């Protein structure tokens, strides 16, 4: 993934940091799921290896057919990972990280708690980092706008309780002395998000 596109790998690293920090605060997320999420966050876009570069890097809006093609990355990635003898819900998290709380997502239209909790966590982390990163078709949104967009989608795209936990984590991180920029993966690690998130 890194050899093909460094930006995708960097995105995965940041999503992993956000996901693990968030998972530590979600009561329904046990150690077994956190272990799977650790790997799923890094590999959630591995199915995009099967999507043509011209489509992934298209600078303008996708057509309906193009979008349908891109959406296949979730099932392609899950199928790739299902072939690995991994003792946890790795493939399920990757398959369902684009499901929506209201059932309008893909690939299976799952809703609410039918979506694996690891996928619900990953979806929030993935959405936030996608918004705050440059993409071929737009510049990154500022942190405050991204948080607002995430909160607007609570109850539709994302589980409200997990959205609120994520907002609390980010607010706690930003309240640290000398914080002036949007949180990024190296800052999260240095701040101890992966070791002391239970203290929130």
C-alpha atoms as a PDB file:
ATOM      1  CA  UNK A   1       0.000   0.000   0.000  1.00  0.00           C
ATOM      2  CA  UNK A   2       2.798   2.393   0.907  1.00  0.00           C
ATOM      3  CA  UNK A   3       4.670   1.592  -2.309  1.00  0.00           C
ATOM      4  CA  UNK A   4       1.616   2.348  -4.404  1.00  0.00           C
ATOM      5  CA  UNK A   5       0.491   5.493  -2.606  1.00  0.00           C
ATOM      6  CA  UNK A   6       2.135   6.931   0.491  1.00  0.00           C
ATOM      7  CA  UNK A   7      -0.883   9.150   1.258  1.00  0.00           C
ATOM      8  CA  UNK A   8      -3.145   6.104   1.631  1.00  0.00           C
ATOM      9  CA  UNK A   9      -0.688   4.482   4.025  1.00  0.00           C
ATOM     10  CA  UNK A  10      -0.356   7.680   6.078  1.00  0.00           C
ATOM     11  CA  UNK A  11      -4.153   7.921   6.205  1.00  0.00           C
ATOM     12  CA  UNK A  12      -4.293   4.345   7.517  1.00  0.00           C
ATOM     13  CA  UNK A  13      -1.732   5.106  10.221  1.00  0.00           C
ATOM     14  CA  UNK A  14      -3.744   8.087  11.458  1.00  0.00           C
ATOM     15  CA  UNK A  15      -7.022   6.153  11.318  1.00  0.00           C
ATOM     16  CA  UNK A  16      -5.371   3.431  13.393  1.00  0.00           C
ATOM     17  CA  UNK A  17      -4.342   5.946  16.047  1.00  0.00           C
ATOM     18  CA  UNK A  18      -7.813   7.508  16.211  1.00  0.00           C
ATOM     19  CA  UNK A  19      -9.526   4.098  16.200  1.00  0.00           C
ATOM     20  CA  UNK A  20      -7.454   2.590  19.006  1.00  0.00           C
ATOM     21  CA  UNK A  21      -7.790   5.636  21.202  1.00  0.00           C
ATOM     22  CA  UNK A  22     -11.549   5.670  20.617  1.00  0.00           C
ATOM     23  CA  UNK A  23     -11.934   1.911  21.121  1.00  0.00           C
ATOM     24  CA  UNK A  24     -10.485   2.197  24.623  1.00  0.00           C
ATOM     25  CA  UNK A  25     -13.460   4.387  25.601  1.00  0.00           C
ATOM     26  CA  UNK A  26     -16.273   2.326  24.021  1.00  0.00           C
ATOM     27  CA  UNK A  27     -17.761  -0.043  26.638  1.00  0.00           C
ATOM     28  CA  UNK A  28     -18.889  -2.626  24.065  1.00  0.00           C
ATOM     29  CA  UNK A  29     -15.390  -2.940  22.586  1.00  0.00           C
ATOM     30  CA  UNK A  30     -13.503  -5.801  24.253  1.00  0.00           C
ATOM     31  CA  UNK A  31      -9.817  -6.667  23.988  1.00  0.00           C
ATOM     32  CA  UNK A  32     -10.514  -9.219  21.246  1.00  0.00           C
ATOM     33  CA  UNK A  33     -12.155  -6.555  19.092  1.00  0.00           C
ATOM     34  CA  UNK A  34      -9.447  -3.972  19.842  1.00  0.00           C
ATOM     35  CA  UNK A  35      -6.779  -6.408  18.648  1.00  0.00           C
ATOM     36  CA  UNK A  36      -8.668  -6.945  15.380  1.00  0.00           C
ATOM     37  CA  UNK A  37      -9.299  -3.213  15.023  1.00  0.00           C
ATOM     38  CA  UNK A  38      -5.571  -2.558  15.365  1.00  0.00           C
ATOM     39  CA  UNK A  39      -4.992  -4.441  12.110  1.00  0.00           C
ATOM     40  CA  UNK A  40      -8.289  -3.579  10.429  1.00  0.00           C
ATOM     41  CA  UNK A  41      -7.592   0.150  10.691  1.00  0.00           C
ATOM     42  CA  UNK A  42      -4.296  -0.274   8.868  1.00  0.00           C
ATOM     43  CA  UNK A  43      -5.858  -2.535   6.231  1.00  0.00           C
ATOM     44  CA  UNK A  44      -9.323  -1.020   5.824  1.00  0.00           C
ATOM     45  CA  UNK A  45      -8.519   0.301   2.328  1.00  0.00           C
ATOM     46  CA  UNK A  46      -6.505  -2.676   1.109  1.00  0.00           C
ATOM     47  CA  UNK A  47      -9.292  -3.495  -1.350  1.00  0.00           C
ATOM     48  CA  UNK A  48      -8.430  -0.285  -3.201  1.00  0.00           C
ATOM     49  CA  UNK A  49      -5.410  -2.118  -4.589  1.00  0.00           C
ATOM     50  CA  UNK A  50      -7.939  -3.633  -6.994  1.00  0.00           C
ATOM     51  CA  UNK A  51      -9.388  -0.241  -8.020  1.00  0.00           C
ATOM     52  CA  UNK A  52      -7.710   1.550 -10.971  1.00  0.00           C
ATOM     53  CA  UNK A  53      -5.512   4.535 -10.117  1.00  0.00           C
ATOM     54  CA  UNK A  54      -7.319   6.812 -12.561  1.00  0.00           C
ATOM     55  CA  UNK A  55     -10.536   6.235 -10.640  1.00  0.00           C
ATOM     56  CA  UNK A  56      -9.058   6.658  -7.155  1.00  0.00           C
ATOM     57  CA  UNK A  57      -7.319   9.877  -8.221  1.00  0.00           C
ATOM     58  CA  UNK A  58     -10.077  11.372 -10.342  1.00  0.00           C
ATOM     59  CA  UNK A  59     -10.058  15.130  -9.607  1.00  0.00           C
ATOM     60  CA  UNK A  60     -13.786  15.652 -10.116  1.00  0.00           C
ATOM     61  CA  UNK A  61     -17.017  14.017  -8.911  1.00  0.00           C
ATOM     62  CA  UNK A  62     -17.538  10.333  -9.605  1.00  0.00           C
ATOM     63  CA  UNK A  63     -20.376   9.101 -11.785  1.00  0.00           C
ATOM     64  CA  UNK A  64     -22.827   6.649 -10.234  1.00  0.00           C
ATOM     65  CA  UNK A  65     -21.123   3.740 -12.011  1.00  0.00           C
ATOM     66  CA  UNK A  66     -17.678   4.894 -10.903  1.00  0.00           C
ATOM     67  CA  UNK A  67     -18.840   5.216  -7.321  1.00  0.00           C
ATOM     68  CA  UNK A  68     -20.324   1.710  -7.422  1.00  0.00           C
ATOM     69  CA  UNK A  69     -16.944   0.451  -8.590  1.00  0.00           C
ATOM     70  CA  UNK A  70     -15.072   2.231  -5.785  1.00  0.00           C
ATOM     71  CA  UNK A  71     -17.518   0.867  -3.209  1.00  0.00           C
ATOM     72  CA  UNK A  72     -16.368  -2.644  -4.073  1.00  0.00           C
ATOM     73  CA  UNK A  73     -13.142  -2.017  -2.155  1.00  0.00           C
ATOM     74  CA  UNK A  74     -14.869  -2.948   1.122  1.00  0.00           C
ATOM     75  CA  UNK A  75     -15.870  -6.432  -0.038  1.00  0.00           C
ATOM     76  CA  UNK A  76     -12.647  -6.976  -1.996  1.00  0.00           C
ATOM     77  CA  UNK A  77     -10.596  -6.105   1.082  1.00  0.00           C
ATOM     78  CA  UNK A  78     -12.718  -8.310   3.327  1.00  0.00           C
ATOM     79  CA  UNK A  79     -12.389 -11.235   0.927  1.00  0.00           C
ATOM     80  CA  UNK A  80      -8.605 -10.798   0.843  1.00  0.00           C
ATOM     81  CA  UNK A  81      -8.398 -10.753   4.626  1.00  0.00           C
ATOM     82  CA  UNK A  82     -10.847 -13.640   5.095  1.00  0.00           C
ATOM     83  CA  UNK A  83      -8.204 -15.905   3.579  1.00  0.00           C
ATOM     84  CA  UNK A  84      -5.958 -15.201   6.578  1.00  0.00           C
ATOM     85  CA  UNK A  85      -6.350 -17.380   9.666  1.00  0.00           C
ATOM     86  CA  UNK A  86      -6.845 -14.373  11.946  1.00  0.00           C
ATOM     87  CA  UNK A  87      -8.486 -15.095  15.326  1.00  0.00           C
ATOM     88  CA  UNK A  88     -10.862 -12.145  15.374  1.00  0.00           C
ATOM     89  CA  UNK A  89     -13.341 -10.041  13.364  1.00  0.00           C
ATOM     90  CA  UNK A  90     -10.679  -8.499  11.087  1.00  0.00           C
ATOM     91  CA  UNK A  91     -12.453  -9.181   7.783  1.00  0.00           C
ATOM     92  CA  UNK A  92     -15.871  -8.232   9.219  1.00  0.00           C
ATOM     93  CA  UNK A  93     -14.606  -4.837  10.398  1.00  0.00           C
ATOM     94  CA  UNK A  94     -13.112  -4.101   6.989  1.00  0.00           C
ATOM     95  CA  UNK A  95     -16.240  -5.292   5.161  1.00  0.00           C
ATOM     96  CA  UNK A  96     -18.607  -3.133   7.199  1.00  0.00           C
ATOM     97  CA  UNK A  97     -16.684   0.092   7.844  1.00  0.00           C
ATOM     98  CA  UNK A  98     -18.874   1.916   5.299  1.00  0.00           C
ATOM     99  CA  UNK A  99     -22.198   0.772   6.758  1.00  0.00           C
ATOM    100  CA  UNK A 100     -24.348   3.584   8.162  1.00  0.00           C
ATOM    101  CA  UNK A 101     -26.148   3.714  11.485  1.00  0.00           C
ATOM    102  CA  UNK A 102     -29.449   4.304   9.650  1.00  0.00           C
ATOM    103  CA  UNK A 103     -28.918   1.402   7.225  1.00  0.00           C
ATOM    104  CA  UNK A 104     -28.083   3.527   4.178  1.00  0.00           C
ATOM    105  CA  UNK A 105     -24.454   2.401   3.854  1.00  0.00           C
ATOM    106  CA  UNK A 106     -22.753  -0.434   1.992  1.00  0.00           C
ATOM    107  CA  UNK A 107     -22.119  -3.238   1.179  1.00  0.00           C
ATOM    108  CA  UNK A 108     -24.941  -4.945   3.121  1.00  0.00           C
ATOM    109  CA  UNK A 109     -27.147  -2.119   4.372  1.00  0.00           C
ATOM    110  CA  UNK A 110     -26.656  -3.070   8.020  1.00  0.00           C
ATOM    111  CA  UNK A 111     -28.076  -0.661  10.609  1.00  0.00           C
ATOM    112  CA  UNK A 112     -27.521   0.162  14.262  1.00  0.00           C
ATOM    113  CA  UNK A 113     -25.954  -2.480  16.457  1.00  0.00           C
ATOM    114  CA  UNK A 114     -26.096  -5.018  13.624  1.00  0.00           C
ATOM    115  CA  UNK A 115     -22.924  -3.264  12.428  1.00  0.00           C
ATOM    116  CA  UNK A 116     -19.894  -4.758  14.225  1.00  0.00           C
ATOM    117  CA  UNK A 117     -18.702  -2.357  16.920  1.00  0.00           C
ATOM    118  CA  UNK A 118     -15.198  -2.320  15.476  1.00  0.00           C
ATOM    119  CA  UNK A 119     -16.605  -1.163  12.137  1.00  0.00           C
ATOM    120  CA  UNK A 120     -18.647   1.551  13.866  1.00  0.00           C
ATOM    121  CA  UNK A 121     -15.503   2.873  15.533  1.00  0.00           C
ATOM    122  CA  UNK A 122     -13.426   2.649  12.363  1.00  0.00           C
ATOM    123  CA  UNK A 123     -16.107   4.494  10.379  1.00  0.00           C
ATOM    124  CA  UNK A 124     -15.917   7.550  12.655  1.00  0.00           C
ATOM    125  CA  UNK A 125     -12.106   7.633  12.630  1.00  0.00           C
ATOM    126  CA  UNK A 126     -11.993   7.136   8.856  1.00  0.00           C
ATOM    127  CA  UNK A 127     -14.536   9.878   8.163  1.00  0.00           C
ATOM    128  CA  UNK A 128     -12.779  12.426  10.361  1.00  0.00           C
ATOM    129  CA  UNK A 129      -9.369  11.786   8.862  1.00  0.00           C
ATOM    130  CA  UNK A 130     -10.744  11.827   5.315  1.00  0.00           C
ATOM    131  CA  UNK A 131     -12.278  15.245   5.979  1.00  0.00           C
ATOM    132  CA  UNK A 132      -9.101  16.701   7.491  1.00  0.00           C
ATOM    133  CA  UNK A 133      -6.806  15.390   4.720  1.00  0.00           C
ATOM    134  CA  UNK A 134      -6.233  16.706   1.217  1.00  0.00           C
ATOM    135  CA  UNK A 135      -7.969  14.671  -1.478  1.00  0.00           C
ATOM    136  CA  UNK A 136      -7.576  14.792  -5.289  1.00  0.00           C
ATOM    137  CA  UNK A 137     -10.932  16.585  -5.576  1.00  0.00           C
ATOM    138  CA  UNK A 138     -10.689  19.017  -2.601  1.00  0.00           C
ATOM    139  CA  UNK A 139      -8.482  20.533   0.059  1.00  0.00           C
ATOM    140  CA  UNK A 140      -8.649  19.386   3.681  1.00  0.00           C
ATOM    141  CA  UNK A 141     -11.403  20.850   5.829  1.00  0.00           C
ATOM    142  CA  UNK A 142     -10.403  22.653   9.029  1.00  0.00           C
ATOM    143  CA  UNK A 143     -10.773  20.662  12.244  1.00  0.00           C
ATOM    144  CA  UNK A 144     -13.807  22.587  13.543  1.00  0.00           C
ATOM    145  CA  UNK A 145     -15.736  22.126  10.310  1.00  0.00           C
ATOM    146  CA  UNK A 146     -14.879  18.424  10.201  1.00  0.00           C
ATOM    147  CA  UNK A 147     -16.150  17.943  13.751  1.00  0.00           C
ATOM    148  CA  UNK A 148     -19.341  19.790  12.841  1.00  0.00           C
ATOM    149  CA  UNK A 149     -19.877  17.573   9.798  1.00  0.00           C
ATOM    150  CA  UNK A 150     -19.290  14.474  11.907  1.00  0.00           C
ATOM    151  CA  UNK A 151     -21.802  15.643  14.517  1.00  0.00           C
ATOM    152  CA  UNK A 152     -24.337  16.444  11.773  1.00  0.00           C
ATOM    153  CA  UNK A 153     -24.142  12.819  10.637  1.00  0.00           C
ATOM    154  CA  UNK A 154     -24.574  11.325  14.100  1.00  0.00           C
ATOM    155  CA  UNK A 155     -27.677   9.134  14.076  1.00  0.00           C
ATOM    156  CA  UNK A 156     -27.580   8.820  10.299  1.00  0.00           C
ATOM    157  CA  UNK A 157     -24.110   7.790   9.216  1.00  0.00           C
ATOM    158  CA  UNK A 158     -22.538   7.145  12.588  1.00  0.00           C
ATOM    159  CA  UNK A 159     -23.494   5.890  16.031  1.00  0.00           C
ATOM    160  CA  UNK A 160     -24.256   8.990  18.160  1.00  0.00           C
ATOM    161  CA  UNK A 161     -22.539   7.671  21.292  1.00  0.00           C
ATOM    162  CA  UNK A 162     -19.313   6.896  19.410  1.00  0.00           C
ATOM    163  CA  UNK A 163     -19.350  10.307  17.727  1.00  0.00           C
ATOM    164  CA  UNK A 164     -19.658  11.964  21.129  1.00  0.00           C
ATOM    165  CA  UNK A 165     -16.808   9.895  22.556  1.00  0.00           C
ATOM    166  CA  UNK A 166     -14.618  10.880  19.618  1.00  0.00           C
ATOM    167  CA  UNK A 167     -15.439  14.571  20.038  1.00  0.00           C
ATOM    168  CA  UNK A 168     -14.594  14.292  23.743  1.00  0.00           C
ATOM    169  CA  UNK A 169     -11.234  12.690  22.939  1.00  0.00           C
ATOM    170  CA  UNK A 170     -10.333  15.362  20.402  1.00  0.00           C
ATOM    171  CA  UNK A 171     -11.394  18.157  22.763  1.00  0.00           C
ATOM    172  CA  UNK A 172      -9.271  16.643  25.514  1.00  0.00           C
ATOM    173  CA  UNK A 173      -6.297  16.408  23.171  1.00  0.00           C
ATOM    174  CA  UNK A 174      -6.728  19.985  21.927  1.00  0.00           C
ATOM    175  CA  UNK A 175      -7.018  21.289  25.503  1.00  0.00           C
ATOM    176  CA  UNK A 176      -3.418  20.307  26.208  1.00  0.00           C
ATOM    177  CA  UNK A 177      -0.986  23.223  26.619  1.00  0.00           C
ATOM    178  CA  UNK A 178       0.606  24.540  23.414  1.00  0.00           C
ATOM    179  CA  UNK A 179      -1.883  22.770  21.110  1.00  0.00           C
ATOM    180  CA  UNK A 180      -2.290  24.907  17.984  1.00  0.00           C
ATOM    181  CA  UNK A 181      -2.768  22.466  15.098  1.00  0.00           C
ATOM    182  CA  UNK A 182      -5.117  19.687  14.078  1.00  0.00           C
ATOM    183  CA  UNK A 183      -4.174  16.395  15.778  1.00  0.00           C
ATOM    184  CA  UNK A 184      -2.111  14.060  13.616  1.00  0.00           C
ATOM    185  CA  UNK A 185      -0.778  10.563  14.151  1.00  0.00           C
ATOM    186  CA  UNK A 186       2.679  11.480  15.576  1.00  0.00           C
ATOM    187  CA  UNK A 187       1.065  13.958  17.979  1.00  0.00           C
ATOM    188  CA  UNK A 188      -1.438  11.348  19.103  1.00  0.00           C
ATOM    189  CA  UNK A 189       1.308   8.876  19.912  1.00  0.00           C
ATOM    190  CA  UNK A 190       3.414  11.437  21.769  1.00  0.00           C
ATOM    191  CA  UNK A 191       0.340  12.568  23.710  1.00  0.00           C
ATOM    192  CA  UNK A 192      -0.254   9.005  24.903  1.00  0.00           C
ATOM    193  CA  UNK A 193      -3.669   8.523  23.260  1.00  0.00           C
ATOM    194  CA  UNK A 194      -2.892   4.852  22.764  1.00  0.00           C
ATOM    195  CA  UNK A 195      -2.030   4.274  26.428  1.00  0.00           C
ATOM    196  CA  UNK A 196      -4.149   6.524  28.621  1.00  0.00           C
ATOM    197  CA  UNK A 197      -7.445   6.956  26.767  1.00  0.00           C
ATOM    198  CA  UNK A 198      -9.290   5.151  29.576  1.00  0.00           C
ATOM    199  CA  UNK A 199      -8.613   8.187  31.789  1.00  0.00           C
ATOM    200  CA  UNK A 200     -11.098  10.334  29.838  1.00  0.00           C
END
